[in-house]
PDB file of N, CA and C in Angstrom:
ATOM      1  N   MET A   1      96.401  39.159 176.619  1.00  0.00           N
ATOM      2  CA  MET A   1      96.161  39.378 175.197  1.00  0.00           C
ATOM      3  C   MET A   1      94.664  39.595 174.956  1.00  0.00           C
ATOM      4  N   LYS A   2      94.358  40.563 174.130  1.00  0.00           N
ATOM      5  CA  LYS A   2      92.973  40.900 173.823  1.00  0.00           C
ATOM      6  C   LYS A   2      92.354  39.828 172.920  1.00  0.00           C
ATOM      7  N   THR A   3      91.104  39.468 173.208  1.00  0.00           N
ATOM      8  CA  THR A   3      90.378  38.528 172.350  1.00  0.00           C
ATOM      9  C   THR A   3      89.383  39.301 171.494  1.00  0.00           C
ATOM     10  N   ILE A   4      89.397  39.010 170.199  1.00  0.00           N
ATOM     11  CA  ILE A   4      88.435  39.615 169.283  1.00  0.00           C
ATOM     12  C   ILE A   4      87.497  38.519 168.803  1.00  0.00           C
ATOM     13  N   ARG A   5      86.194  38.731 169.022  1.00  0.00           N
ATOM     14  CA  ARG A   5      85.197  37.745 168.593  1.00  0.00           C
ATOM     15  C   ARG A   5      84.593  38.172 167.260  1.00  0.00           C
ATOM     16  N   VAL A   6      84.691  37.280 166.294  1.00  0.00           N
ATOM     17  CA  VAL A   6      84.162  37.574 164.968  1.00  0.00           C
ATOM     18  C   VAL A   6      83.358  36.389 164.438  1.00  0.00           C
ATOM     19  N   VAL A   7      82.650  36.662 163.355  1.00  0.00           N
ATOM     20  CA  VAL A   7      81.909  35.616 162.655  1.00  0.00           C
ATOM     21  C   VAL A   7      82.346  35.616 161.195  1.00  0.00           C
ATOM     22  N   ALA A   8      82.255  34.460 160.571  1.00  0.00           N
ATOM     23  CA  ALA A   8      82.606  34.345 159.157  1.00  0.00           C
ATOM     24  C   ALA A   8      81.571  33.487 158.448  1.00  0.00           C
ATOM     25  N   ALA A   9      81.249  33.888 157.221  1.00  0.00           N
ATOM     26  CA  ALA A   9      80.285  33.136 156.405  1.00  0.00           C
ATOM     27  C   ALA A   9      81.026  32.355 155.336  1.00  0.00           C
ATOM     28  N   VAL A  10      80.789  31.051 155.324  1.00  0.00           N
ATOM     29  CA  VAL A  10      81.291  30.230 154.230  1.00  0.00           C
ATOM     30  C   VAL A  10      80.103  30.113 153.272  1.00  0.00           C
ATOM     31  N   ILE A  11      80.054  31.075 152.341  1.00  0.00           N
ATOM     32  CA  ILE A  11      78.915  31.156 151.418  1.00  0.00           C
ATOM     33  C   ILE A  11      79.114  30.113 150.327  1.00  0.00           C
ATOM     34  N   ARG A  12      78.094  29.270 150.195  1.00  0.00           N
ATOM     35  CA  ARG A  12      78.209  28.133 149.287  1.00  0.00           C
ATOM     36  C   ARG A  12      77.169  28.230 148.195  1.00  0.00           C
ATOM     37  N   ASP A  13      77.588  27.939 146.984  1.00  0.00           N
ATOM     38  CA  ASP A  13      76.663  27.839 145.856  1.00  0.00           C
ATOM     39  C   ASP A  13      76.993  26.533 145.157  1.00  0.00           C
ATOM     40  N   LYS A  14      76.159  25.529 145.368  1.00  0.00           N
ATOM     41  CA  LYS A  14      76.391  24.166 144.888  1.00  0.00           C
ATOM     42  C   LYS A  14      77.759  23.673 145.367  1.00  0.00           C
ATOM     43  N   ASP A  15      78.744  23.554 144.451  1.00  0.00           N
ATOM     44  CA  ASP A  15      80.046  23.002 144.859  1.00  0.00           C
ATOM     45  C   ASP A  15      81.132  24.058 144.928  1.00  0.00           C
ATOM     46  N   LYS A  16      80.727  25.340 145.043  1.00  0.00           N
ATOM     47  CA  LYS A  16      81.743  26.400 145.141  1.00  0.00           C
ATOM     48  C   LYS A  16      81.564  27.218 146.413  1.00  0.00           C
ATOM     49  N   ILE A  17      82.695  27.786 146.866  1.00  0.00           N
ATOM     50  CA  ILE A  17      82.746  28.578 148.090  1.00  0.00           C
ATOM     51  C   ILE A  17      83.215  29.983 147.731  1.00  0.00           C
ATOM     52  N   PHE A  18      82.622  30.990 148.381  1.00  0.00           N
ATOM     53  CA  PHE A  18      82.968  32.386 148.116  1.00  0.00           C
ATOM     54  C   PHE A  18      84.059  32.849 149.073  1.00  0.00           C
ATOM     55  N   ALA A  19      85.138  33.405 148.512  1.00  0.00           N
ATOM     56  CA  ALA A  19      86.251  33.909 149.315  1.00  0.00           C
ATOM     57  C   ALA A  19      86.549  35.347 148.902  1.00  0.00           C
ATOM     58  N   THR A  20      87.010  36.151 149.853  1.00  0.00           N
ATOM     59  CA  THR A  20      87.339  37.544 149.554  1.00  0.00           C
ATOM     60  C   THR A  20      88.767  37.862 150.000  1.00  0.00           C
ATOM     61  N   ALA A  21      89.373  38.824 149.304  1.00  0.00           N
ATOM     62  CA  ALA A  21      90.714  39.300 149.679  1.00  0.00           C
ATOM     63  C   ALA A  21      90.546  40.615 150.428  1.00  0.00           C
ATOM     64  N   ARG A  22      91.167  40.715 151.576  1.00  0.00           N
ATOM     65  CA  ARG A  22      91.044  41.930 152.403  1.00  0.00           C
ATOM     66  C   ARG A  22      91.523  43.160 151.650  1.00  0.00           C
ATOM     67  N   GLY A  23      90.744  44.224 151.752  1.00  0.00           N
ATOM     68  CA  GLY A  23      91.070  45.447 151.033  1.00  0.00           C
ATOM     69  C   GLY A  23      91.786  46.489 151.877  1.00  0.00           C
ATOM     70  N   TYR A  24      92.058  46.187 153.144  1.00  0.00           N
ATOM     71  CA  TYR A  24      92.635  47.209 154.028  1.00  0.00           C
ATOM     72  C   TYR A  24      93.343  46.545 155.200  1.00  0.00           C
ATOM     73  N   GLY A  25      94.103  47.338 155.920  1.00  0.00           N
ATOM     74  CA  GLY A  25      94.662  46.898 157.207  1.00  0.00           C
ATOM     75  C   GLY A  25      95.899  46.033 157.098  1.00  0.00           C
ATOM     76  N   GLU A  26      96.269  45.519 158.245  1.00  0.00           N
ATOM     77  CA  GLU A  26      97.495  44.740 158.400  1.00  0.00           C
ATOM     78  C   GLU A  26      97.532  43.520 157.477  1.00  0.00           C
ATOM     79  N   PHE A  27      96.362  42.933 157.221  1.00  0.00           N
ATOM     80  CA  PHE A  27      96.319  41.695 156.435  1.00  0.00           C
ATOM     81  C   PHE A  27      95.785  41.922 155.022  1.00  0.00           C
ATOM     82  N   LYS A  28      95.911  43.160 154.527  1.00  0.00           N
ATOM     83  CA  LYS A  28      95.440  43.508 153.180  1.00  0.00           C
ATOM     84  C   LYS A  28      95.972  42.511 152.155  1.00  0.00           C
ATOM     85  N   GLY A  29      95.075  42.037 151.285  1.00  0.00           N
ATOM     86  CA  GLY A  29      95.474  41.103 150.238  1.00  0.00           C
ATOM     87  C   GLY A  29      95.365  39.643 150.644  1.00  0.00           C
ATOM     88  N   GLY A  30      95.255  39.382 151.945  1.00  0.00           N
ATOM     89  CA  GLY A  30      95.093  38.000 152.408  1.00  0.00           C
ATOM     90  C   GLY A  30      93.658  37.543 152.170  1.00  0.00           C
ATOM     91  N   TRP A  31      93.476  36.265 151.860  1.00  0.00           N
ATOM     92  CA  TRP A  31      92.140  35.743 151.561  1.00  0.00           C
ATOM     93  C   TRP A  31      91.460  35.251 152.826  1.00  0.00           C
ATOM     94  N   GLU A  32      90.147  35.473 152.873  1.00  0.00           N
ATOM     95  CA  GLU A  32      89.372  35.110 154.063  1.00  0.00           C
ATOM     96  C   GLU A  32      87.926  34.849 153.674  1.00  0.00           C
ATOM     97  N   PHE A  33      87.176  34.356 154.642  1.00  0.00           N
ATOM     98  CA  PHE A  33      85.732  34.227 154.480  1.00  0.00           C
ATOM     99  C   PHE A  33      85.120  35.517 154.990  1.00  0.00           C
ATOM    100  N   PRO A  34      84.146  36.088 154.262  1.00  0.00           N
ATOM    101  CA  PRO A  34      83.591  37.381 154.674  1.00  0.00           C
ATOM    102  C   PRO A  34      82.872  37.303 156.012  1.00  0.00           C
ATOM    103  N   GLY A  35      82.873  38.414 156.724  1.00  0.00           N
ATOM    104  CA  GLY A  35      82.231  38.485 158.034  1.00  0.00           C
ATOM    105  C   GLY A  35      82.776  39.665 158.791  1.00  0.00           C
ATOM    106  N   GLY A  36      82.734  39.603 160.110  1.00  0.00           N
ATOM    107  CA  GLY A  36      83.245  40.714 160.895  1.00  0.00           C
ATOM    108  C   GLY A  36      82.945  40.552 162.370  1.00  0.00           C
ATOM    109  N   LYS A  37      83.122  41.647 163.097  1.00  0.00           N
ATOM    110  CA  LYS A  37      82.992  41.618 164.554  1.00  0.00           C
ATOM    111  C   LYS A  37      81.543  41.486 165.002  1.00  0.00           C
ATOM    112  N   ILE A  38      81.371  40.783 166.128  1.00  0.00           N
ATOM    113  CA  ILE A  38      80.063  40.668 166.771  1.00  0.00           C
ATOM    114  C   ILE A  38      79.886  41.897 167.657  1.00  0.00           C
ATOM    115  N   GLU A  39      78.790  42.608 167.469  1.00  0.00           N
ATOM    116  CA  GLU A  39      78.540  43.788 168.298  1.00  0.00           C
ATOM    117  C   GLU A  39      77.756  43.418 169.547  1.00  0.00           C
ATOM    118  N   GLU A  40      77.843  44.293 170.534  1.00  0.00           N
ATOM    119  CA  GLU A  40      77.153  44.110 171.816  1.00  0.00           C
ATOM    120  C   GLU A  40      75.686  43.749 171.587  1.00  0.00           C
ATOM    121  N   GLY A  41      75.227  42.666 172.232  1.00  0.00           N
ATOM    122  CA  GLY A  41      73.813  42.295 172.172  1.00  0.00           C
ATOM    123  C   GLY A  41      73.397  41.489 170.949  1.00  0.00           C
ATOM    124  N   GLU A  42      74.330  41.227 170.034  1.00  0.00           N
ATOM    125  CA  GLU A  42      74.001  40.438 168.846  1.00  0.00           C
ATOM    126  C   GLU A  42      74.335  38.967 169.055  1.00  0.00           C
ATOM    127  N   THR A  43      73.561  38.097 168.430  1.00  0.00           N
ATOM    128  CA  THR A  43      73.974  36.694 168.361  1.00  0.00           C
ATOM    129  C   THR A  43      74.974  36.603 167.201  1.00  0.00           C
ATOM    130  N   PRO A  44      75.784  35.549 167.174  1.00  0.00           N
ATOM    131  CA  PRO A  44      76.702  35.400 166.039  1.00  0.00           C
ATOM    132  C   PRO A  44      75.955  35.414 164.694  1.00  0.00           C
ATOM    133  N   GLN A  45      74.797  34.758 164.647  1.00  0.00           N
ATOM    134  CA  GLN A  45      74.021  34.708 163.404  1.00  0.00           C
ATOM    135  C   GLN A  45      73.552  36.093 162.976  1.00  0.00           C
ATOM    136  N   GLU A  46      73.070  36.899 163.940  1.00  0.00           N
ATOM    137  CA  GLU A  46      72.620  38.267 163.617  1.00  0.00           C
ATOM    138  C   GLU A  46      73.789  39.106 163.115  1.00  0.00           C
ATOM    139  N   ALA A  47      74.942  38.946 163.754  1.00  0.00           N
ATOM    140  CA  ALA A  47      76.136  39.686 163.349  1.00  0.00           C
ATOM    141  C   ALA A  47      76.518  39.343 161.909  1.00  0.00           C
ATOM    142  N   LEU A  48      76.415  38.064 161.584  1.00  0.00           N
ATOM    143  CA  LEU A  48      76.798  37.613 160.249  1.00  0.00           C
ATOM    144  C   LEU A  48      75.874  38.188 159.180  1.00  0.00           C
ATOM    145  N   VAL A  49      74.580  38.157 159.444  1.00  0.00           N
ATOM    146  CA  VAL A  49      73.610  38.715 158.491  1.00  0.00           C
ATOM    147  C   VAL A  49      73.906  40.200 158.273  1.00  0.00           C
ATOM    148  N   ARG A  50      74.149  40.934 159.359  1.00  0.00           N
ATOM    149  CA  ARG A  50      74.432  42.372 159.263  1.00  0.00           C
ATOM    150  C   ARG A  50      75.736  42.633 158.508  1.00  0.00           C
ATOM    151  N   GLU A  51      76.789  41.912 158.872  1.00  0.00           N
ATOM    152  CA  GLU A  51      78.093  42.126 158.242  1.00  0.00           C
ATOM    153  C   GLU A  51      78.061  41.859 156.733  1.00  0.00           C
ATOM    154  N   ILE A  52      77.389  40.782 156.326  1.00  0.00           N
ATOM    155  CA  ILE A  52      77.351  40.449 154.896  1.00  0.00           C
ATOM    156  C   ILE A  52      76.543  41.491 154.131  1.00  0.00           C
ATOM    157  N   LYS A  53      75.480  41.999 154.768  1.00  0.00           N
ATOM    158  CA  LYS A  53      74.705  43.074 154.137  1.00  0.00           C
ATOM    159  C   LYS A  53      75.586  44.323 153.967  1.00  0.00           C
ATOM    160  N   GLU A  54      76.385  44.654 154.986  1.00  0.00           N
ATOM    161  CA  GLU A  54      77.270  45.833 154.924  1.00  0.00           C
ATOM    162  C   GLU A  54      78.408  45.647 153.918  1.00  0.00           C
ATOM    163  N   GLU A  55      79.026  44.477 153.915  1.00  0.00           N
ATOM    164  CA  GLU A  55      80.215  44.252 153.089  1.00  0.00           C
ATOM    165  C   GLU A  55      79.908  43.870 151.658  1.00  0.00           C
ATOM    166  N   LEU A  56      78.788  43.156 151.463  1.00  0.00           N
ATOM    167  CA  LEU A  56      78.523  42.572 150.140  1.00  0.00           C
ATOM    168  C   LEU A  56      77.142  42.913 149.576  1.00  0.00           C
ATOM    169  N   GLU A  57      76.355  43.687 150.313  1.00  0.00           N
ATOM    170  CA  GLU A  57      75.013  44.098 149.878  1.00  0.00           C
ATOM    171  C   GLU A  57      74.094  42.925 149.567  1.00  0.00           C
ATOM    172  N   ALA A  58      74.319  41.797 150.203  1.00  0.00           N
ATOM    173  CA  ALA A  58      73.474  40.633 149.946  1.00  0.00           C
ATOM    174  C   ALA A  58      72.850  40.163 151.252  1.00  0.00           C
ATOM    175  N   GLU A  59      71.708  39.503 151.115  1.00  0.00           N
ATOM    176  CA  GLU A  59      71.062  38.920 152.279  1.00  0.00           C
ATOM    177  C   GLU A  59      71.364  37.429 152.273  1.00  0.00           C
ATOM    178  N   ILE A  60      71.826  36.939 153.425  1.00  0.00           N
ATOM    179  CA  ILE A  60      72.171  35.520 153.488  1.00  0.00           C
ATOM    180  C   ILE A  60      71.274  34.774 154.471  1.00  0.00           C
ATOM    181  N   GLU A  61      71.236  33.485 154.268  1.00  0.00           N
ATOM    182  CA  GLU A  61      70.610  32.572 155.208  1.00  0.00           C
ATOM    183  C   GLU A  61      71.763  31.878 155.917  1.00  0.00           C
ATOM    184  N   VAL A  62      71.788  31.958 157.242  1.00  0.00           N
ATOM    185  CA  VAL A  62      72.885  31.356 158.006  1.00  0.00           C
ATOM    186  C   VAL A  62      72.538  29.907 158.321  1.00  0.00           C
ATOM    187  N   GLY A  63      73.436  29.019 157.960  1.00  0.00           N
ATOM    188  CA  GLY A  63      73.240  27.595 158.213  1.00  0.00           C
ATOM    189  C   GLY A  63      73.927  27.160 159.496  1.00  0.00           C
ATOM    190  N   GLN A  64      74.358  25.909 159.517  1.00  0.00           N
ATOM    191  CA  GLN A  64      74.938  25.391 160.762  1.00  0.00           C
ATOM    192  C   GLN A  64      76.368  25.864 160.968  1.00  0.00           C
ATOM    193  N   LEU A  65      76.762  25.847 162.238  1.00  0.00           N
ATOM    194  CA  LEU A  65      78.127  26.209 162.625  1.00  0.00           C
ATOM    195  C   LEU A  65      79.068  25.129 162.101  1.00  0.00           C
ATOM    196  N   ILE A  66      80.107  25.538 161.390  1.00  0.00           N
ATOM    197  CA  ILE A  66      81.109  24.576 160.910  1.00  0.00           C
ATOM    198  C   ILE A  66      82.108  24.328 162.031  1.00  0.00           C
ATOM    199  N   ASP A  67      82.588  25.425 162.610  1.00  0.00           N
ATOM    200  CA  ASP A  67      83.591  25.321 163.656  1.00  0.00           C
ATOM    201  C   ASP A  67      83.812  26.706 164.277  1.00  0.00           C
ATOM    202  N   THR A  68      84.366  26.730 165.484  1.00  0.00           N
ATOM    203  CA  THR A  68      84.840  27.973 166.077  1.00  0.00           C
ATOM    204  C   THR A  68      86.360  27.893 166.090  1.00  0.00           C
ATOM    205  N   ILE A  69      86.978  28.774 165.351  1.00  0.00           N
ATOM    206  CA  ILE A  69      88.435  28.792 165.231  1.00  0.00           C
ATOM    207  C   ILE A  69      89.004  29.677 166.337  1.00  0.00           C
ATOM    208  N   GLU A  70      89.964  29.153 167.077  1.00  0.00           N
ATOM    209  CA  GLU A  70      90.687  29.934 168.083  1.00  0.00           C
ATOM    210  C   GLU A  70      92.103  30.079 167.554  1.00  0.00           C
ATOM    211  N   TYR A  71      92.543  31.319 167.337  1.00  0.00           N
ATOM    212  CA  TYR A  71      93.856  31.511 166.713  1.00  0.00           C
ATOM    213  C   TYR A  71      94.583  32.689 167.348  1.00  0.00           C
ATOM    214  N   ASP A  72      95.848  32.480 167.688  1.00  0.00           N
ATOM    215  CA  ASP A  72      96.659  33.553 168.263  1.00  0.00           C
ATOM    216  C   ASP A  72      97.456  34.277 167.193  1.00  0.00           C
ATOM    217  N   TYR A  73      97.062  35.509 166.915  1.00  0.00           N
ATOM    218  CA  TYR A  73      97.871  36.392 166.071  1.00  0.00           C
ATOM    219  C   TYR A  73      98.866  37.077 167.012  1.00  0.00           C
ATOM    220  N   PRO A  74      99.895  37.746 166.472  1.00  0.00           N
ATOM    221  CA  PRO A  74     100.896  38.371 167.361  1.00  0.00           C
ATOM    222  C   PRO A  74     100.295  39.352 168.372  1.00  0.00           C
ATOM    223  N   ASN A  75      99.291  40.135 167.972  1.00  0.00           N
ATOM    224  CA  ASN A  75      98.774  41.191 168.847  1.00  0.00           C
ATOM    225  C   ASN A  75      97.407  40.919 169.474  1.00  0.00           C
ATOM    226  N   PHE A  76      96.775  39.825 169.109  1.00  0.00           N
ATOM    227  CA  PHE A  76      95.453  39.527 169.664  1.00  0.00           C
ATOM    228  C   PHE A  76      95.107  38.061 169.462  1.00  0.00           C
ATOM    229  N   HIS A  77      94.099  37.609 170.208  1.00  0.00           N
ATOM    230  CA  HIS A  77      93.568  36.257 170.041  1.00  0.00           C
ATOM    231  C   HIS A  77      92.253  36.382 169.276  1.00  0.00           C
ATOM    232  N   LEU A  78      92.110  35.588 168.216  1.00  0.00           N
ATOM    233  CA  LEU A  78      90.892  35.616 167.409  1.00  0.00           C
ATOM    234  C   LEU A  78      90.017  34.422 167.751  1.00  0.00           C
ATOM    235  N   SER A  79      88.752  34.702 168.043  1.00  0.00           N
ATOM    236  CA  SER A  79      87.763  33.638 168.228  1.00  0.00           C
ATOM    237  C   SER A  79      86.727  33.833 167.127  1.00  0.00           C
ATOM    238  N   MET A  80      86.685  32.902 166.160  1.00  0.00           N
ATOM    239  CA  MET A  80      85.883  33.084 164.950  1.00  0.00           C
ATOM    240  C   MET A  80      84.874  31.954 164.767  1.00  0.00           C
ATOM    241  N   ASP A  81      83.583  32.302 164.863  1.00  0.00           N
ATOM    242  CA  ASP A  81      82.511  31.338 164.593  1.00  0.00           C
ATOM    243  C   ASP A  81      82.272  31.308 163.089  1.00  0.00           C
ATOM    244  N   CYS A  82      82.444  30.138 162.489  1.00  0.00           N
ATOM    245  CA  CYS A  82      82.312  30.011 161.036  1.00  0.00           C
ATOM    246  C   CYS A  82      81.056  29.209 160.697  1.00  0.00           C
ATOM    247  N   PHE A  83      80.179  29.820 159.936  1.00  0.00           N
ATOM    248  CA  PHE A  83      78.905  29.194 159.585  1.00  0.00           C
ATOM    249  C   PHE A  83      78.798  28.969 158.081  1.00  0.00           C
ATOM    250  N   TRP A  84      78.102  27.883 157.703  1.00  0.00           N
ATOM    251  CA  TRP A  84      77.686  27.734 156.313  1.00  0.00           C
ATOM    252  C   TRP A  84      76.655  28.823 156.050  1.00  0.00           C
ATOM    253  N   ALA A  85      76.618  29.328 154.833  1.00  0.00           N
ATOM    254  CA  ALA A  85      75.634  30.346 154.477  1.00  0.00           C
ATOM    255  C   ALA A  85      75.271  30.220 153.008  1.00  0.00           C
ATOM    256  N   ALA A  86      74.078  30.737 152.683  1.00  0.00           N
ATOM    257  CA  ALA A  86      73.623  30.756 151.290  1.00  0.00           C
ATOM    258  C   ALA A  86      73.023  32.133 151.017  1.00  0.00           C
ATOM    259  N   ILE A  87      73.122  32.570 149.777  1.00  0.00           N
ATOM    260  CA  ILE A  87      72.572  33.878 149.419  1.00  0.00           C
ATOM    261  C   ILE A  87      71.064  33.761 149.241  1.00  0.00           C
ATOM    262  N   LYS A  88      70.336  34.616 149.971  1.00  0.00           N
ATOM    263  CA  LYS A  88      68.878  34.666 149.849  1.00  0.00           C
ATOM    264  C   LYS A  88      68.466  35.649 148.769  1.00  0.00           C
ATOM    265  N   SER A  89      69.093  36.845 148.808  1.00  0.00           N
ATOM    266  CA  SER A  89      68.763  37.848 147.804  1.00  0.00           C
ATOM    267  C   SER A  89      69.911  38.825 147.634  1.00  0.00           C
ATOM    268  N   GLY A  90      69.932  39.471 146.469  1.00  0.00           N
ATOM    269  CA  GLY A  90      70.964  40.456 146.188  1.00  0.00           C
ATOM    270  C   GLY A  90      72.138  39.841 145.443  1.00  0.00           C
ATOM    271  N   GLN A  91      72.918  40.726 144.835  1.00  0.00           N
ATOM    272  CA  GLN A  91      74.149  40.312 144.157  1.00  0.00           C
ATOM    273  C   GLN A  91      75.292  40.601 145.118  1.00  0.00           C
ATOM    274  N   LEU A  92      76.372  39.853 145.014  1.00  0.00           N
ATOM    275  CA  LEU A  92      77.520  40.115 145.879  1.00  0.00           C
ATOM    276  C   LEU A  92      78.308  41.300 145.324  1.00  0.00           C
ATOM    277  N   VAL A  93      78.284  42.418 146.048  1.00  0.00           N
ATOM    278  CA  VAL A  93      78.980  43.637 145.656  1.00  0.00           C
ATOM    279  C   VAL A  93      80.118  43.853 146.645  1.00  0.00           C
ATOM    280  N   LEU A  94      81.338  43.999 146.150  1.00  0.00           N
ATOM    281  CA  LEU A  94      82.482  44.164 147.047  1.00  0.00           C
ATOM    282  C   LEU A  94      82.590  45.603 147.548  1.00  0.00           C
ATOM    283  N   LYS A  95      82.216  45.817 148.809  1.00  0.00           N
ATOM    284  CA  LYS A  95      82.294  47.148 149.399  1.00  0.00           C
ATOM    285  C   LYS A  95      83.638  47.355 150.095  1.00  0.00           C
ATOM    286  N   GLU A  96      84.198  46.293 150.671  1.00  0.00           N
ATOM    287  CA  GLU A  96      85.428  46.408 151.452  1.00  0.00           C
ATOM    288  C   GLU A  96      86.564  45.545 150.926  1.00  0.00           C
ATOM    289  N   ALA A  97      86.235  44.452 150.269  1.00  0.00           N
ATOM    290  CA  ALA A  97      87.282  43.538 149.783  1.00  0.00           C
ATOM    291  C   ALA A  97      87.876  44.075 148.483  1.00  0.00           C
ATOM    292  N   GLU A  98      89.140  43.693 148.211  1.00  0.00           N
ATOM    293  CA  GLU A  98      89.762  44.154 146.967  1.00  0.00           C
ATOM    294  C   GLU A  98      89.550  43.150 145.833  1.00  0.00           C
ATOM    295  N   ALA A  99      89.166  41.929 146.170  1.00  0.00           N
ATOM    296  CA  ALA A  99      88.914  40.909 145.155  1.00  0.00           C
ATOM    297  C   ALA A  99      88.060  39.812 145.772  1.00  0.00           C
ATOM    298  N   ALA A 100      87.462  38.999 144.910  1.00  0.00           N
ATOM    299  CA  ALA A 100      86.672  37.865 145.389  1.00  0.00           C
ATOM    300  C   ALA A 100      86.684  36.777 144.326  1.00  0.00           C
ATOM    301  N   LYS A 101      86.507  35.537 144.776  1.00  0.00           N
ATOM    302  CA  LYS A 101      86.487  34.403 143.852  1.00  0.00           C
ATOM    303  C   LYS A 101      85.516  33.352 144.377  1.00  0.00           C
ATOM    304  N   TRP A 102      84.908  32.632 143.442  1.00  0.00           N
ATOM    305  CA  TRP A 102      84.176  31.408 143.789  1.00  0.00           C
ATOM    306  C   TRP A 102      85.173  30.274 143.562  1.00  0.00           C
ATOM    307  N   LEU A 103      85.464  29.517 144.603  1.00  0.00           N
ATOM    308  CA  LEU A 103      86.461  28.455 144.522  1.00  0.00           C
ATOM    309  C   LEU A 103      85.820  27.075 144.605  1.00  0.00           C
ATOM    310  N   SER A 104      86.233  26.195 143.692  1.00  0.00           N
ATOM    311  CA  SER A 104      85.791  24.799 143.777  1.00  0.00           C
ATOM    312  C   SER A 104      86.674  24.090 144.798  1.00  0.00           C
ATOM    313  N   LYS A 105      86.303  22.868 145.121  1.00  0.00           N
ATOM    314  CA  LYS A 105      87.081  22.054 146.054  1.00  0.00           C
ATOM    315  C   LYS A 105      88.560  21.988 145.629  1.00  0.00           C
ATOM    316  N   GLN A 106      88.787  21.824 144.320  1.00  0.00           N
ATOM    317  CA  GLN A 106      90.149  21.712 143.802  1.00  0.00           C
ATOM    318  C   GLN A 106      90.902  23.042 143.873  1.00  0.00           C
ATOM    319  N   GLU A 107      90.168  24.153 143.902  1.00  0.00           N
ATOM    320  CA  GLU A 107      90.806  25.472 143.890  1.00  0.00           C
ATOM    321  C   GLU A 107      91.017  26.076 145.279  1.00  0.00           C
ATOM    322  N   LEU A 108      90.583  25.375 146.320  1.00  0.00           N
ATOM    323  CA  LEU A 108      90.650  25.947 147.665  1.00  0.00           C
ATOM    324  C   LEU A 108      92.063  26.356 148.087  1.00  0.00           C
ATOM    325  N   ASN A 109      93.072  25.657 147.567  1.00  0.00           N
ATOM    326  CA  ASN A 109      94.445  26.007 147.942  1.00  0.00           C
ATOM    327  C   ASN A 109      95.105  26.974 146.967  1.00  0.00           C
ATOM    328  N   SER A 110      94.323  27.550 146.056  1.00  0.00           N
ATOM    329  CA  SER A 110      94.907  28.422 145.025  1.00  0.00           C
ATOM    330  C   SER A 110      95.056  29.863 145.486  1.00  0.00           C
ATOM    331  N   VAL A 111      94.570  30.204 146.685  1.00  0.00           N
ATOM    332  CA  VAL A 111      94.714  31.563 147.200  1.00  0.00           C
ATOM    333  C   VAL A 111      95.502  31.527 148.508  1.00  0.00           C
ATOM    334  N   GLU A 112      96.047  32.677 148.886  1.00  0.00           N
ATOM    335  CA  GLU A 112      96.819  32.803 150.132  1.00  0.00           C
ATOM    336  C   GLU A 112      95.870  33.129 151.279  1.00  0.00           C
ATOM    337  N   TRP A 113      95.374  32.105 151.965  1.00  0.00           N
ATOM    338  CA  TRP A 113      94.438  32.303 153.079  1.00  0.00           C
ATOM    339  C   TRP A 113      95.138  32.964 154.259  1.00  0.00           C
ATOM    340  N   LEU A 114      94.388  33.743 155.013  1.00  0.00           N
ATOM    341  CA  LEU A 114      94.899  34.269 156.278  1.00  0.00           C
ATOM    342  C   LEU A 114      95.078  33.087 157.230  1.00  0.00           C
ATOM    343  N   PRO A 115      96.004  33.189 158.198  1.00  0.00           N
ATOM    344  CA  PRO A 115      96.329  32.039 159.059  1.00  0.00           C
ATOM    345  C   PRO A 115      95.126  31.403 159.767  1.00  0.00           C
ATOM    346  N   ALA A 116      94.206  32.201 160.278  1.00  0.00           N
ATOM    347  CA  ALA A 116      93.062  31.611 160.988  1.00  0.00           C
ATOM    348  C   ALA A 116      92.116  30.913 160.013  1.00  0.00           C
ATOM    349  N   ASP A 117      91.910  31.507 158.842  1.00  0.00           N
ATOM    350  CA  ASP A 117      90.955  30.954 157.879  1.00  0.00           C
ATOM    351  C   ASP A 117      91.426  29.628 157.285  1.00  0.00           C
ATOM    352  N   ILE A 118      92.732  29.482 157.104  1.00  0.00           N
ATOM    353  CA  ILE A 118      93.243  28.265 156.461  1.00  0.00           C
ATOM    354  C   ILE A 118      92.952  27.028 157.299  1.00  0.00           C
ATOM    355  N   THR A 119      92.788  27.208 158.613  1.00  0.00           N
ATOM    356  CA  THR A 119      92.523  26.054 159.479  1.00  0.00           C
ATOM    357  C   THR A 119      91.148  25.447 159.197  1.00  0.00           C
ATOM    358  N   LEU A 120      90.311  26.176 158.481  1.00  0.00           N
ATOM    359  CA  LEU A 120      88.954  25.711 158.172  1.00  0.00           C
ATOM    360  C   LEU A 120      88.876  24.929 156.855  1.00  0.00           C
ATOM    361  N   ILE A 121      89.892  25.076 156.023  1.00  0.00           N
ATOM    362  CA  ILE A 121      89.825  24.565 154.652  1.00  0.00           C
ATOM    363  C   ILE A 121      89.568  23.053 154.585  1.00  0.00           C
ATOM    364  N   ASP A 122      90.243  22.268 155.414  1.00  0.00           N
ATOM    365  CA  ASP A 122      90.038  20.815 155.354  1.00  0.00           C
ATOM    366  C   ASP A 122      88.612  20.422 155.693  1.00  0.00           C
ATOM    367  N   LYS A 123      88.013  21.105 156.676  1.00  0.00           N
ATOM    368  CA  LYS A 123      86.618  20.802 157.044  1.00  0.00           C
ATOM    369  C   LYS A 123      85.678  21.131 155.889  1.00  0.00           C
ATOM    370  N   ILE A 124      85.930  22.248 155.225  1.00  0.00           N
ATOM    371  CA  ILE A 124      85.091  22.644 154.098  1.00  0.00           C
ATOM    372  C   ILE A 124      85.240  21.659 152.943  1.00  0.00           C
ATOM    373  N   ARG A 125      86.482  21.283 152.671  1.00  0.00           N
ATOM    374  CA  ARG A 125      86.741  20.359 151.565  1.00  0.00           C
ATOM    375  C   ARG A 125      85.966  19.049 151.746  1.00  0.00           C
ATOM    376  N   LYS A 126      85.895  18.574 152.991  1.00  0.00           N
ATOM    377  CA  LYS A 126      85.169  17.318 153.252  1.00  0.00           C
ATOM    378  C   LYS A 126      83.687  17.430 152.909  1.00  0.00           C
ATOM    379  N   ASP A 127      83.129  18.638 153.083  1.00  0.00           N
ATOM    380  CA  ASP A 127      81.702  18.834 152.848  1.00  0.00           C
ATOM    381  C   ASP A 127      81.344  19.150 151.397  1.00  0.00           C
ATOM    382  N   LEU A 128      82.330  19.544 150.610  1.00  0.00           N
ATOM    383  CA  LEU A 128      82.046  19.862 149.214  1.00  0.00           C
ATOM    384  C   LEU A 128      82.007  18.584 148.381  1.00  0.00           C
ATOM    385  N   ALA A 129      81.124  18.588 147.400  1.00  0.00           N
ATOM    386  CA  ALA A 129      80.987  17.402 146.545  1.00  0.00           C
ATOM    387  C   ALA A 129      82.267  17.127 145.775  1.00  0.00           C
TER     388      ALA A 129
END
């Protein structure tokens, strides 16, 4: 089975987390943390900064690693490094996602998370005020 290595940003603003709904592909409409594939020669942090700039036109500061999620989808294995992040500059503009929301701790279960992303929710909830 093919392994796909990706990074995800858990963008935090005080007590809220930024989530996006996929705008394309097999998992269109599913909610996830923004990010994308790590390219050859990039560190996970560099990949995350680049991906968020491409997808959301914002510059982020990458914080500590929350967890690396290992998840088997039917056609591939996903290895996802998930980092805390904060917006340094720019407004969040949706270039690829079909929707986005700032979710409070109480609202984290109000969206349909993709299977790999949902495994992160409990860890995030513990860290939110």
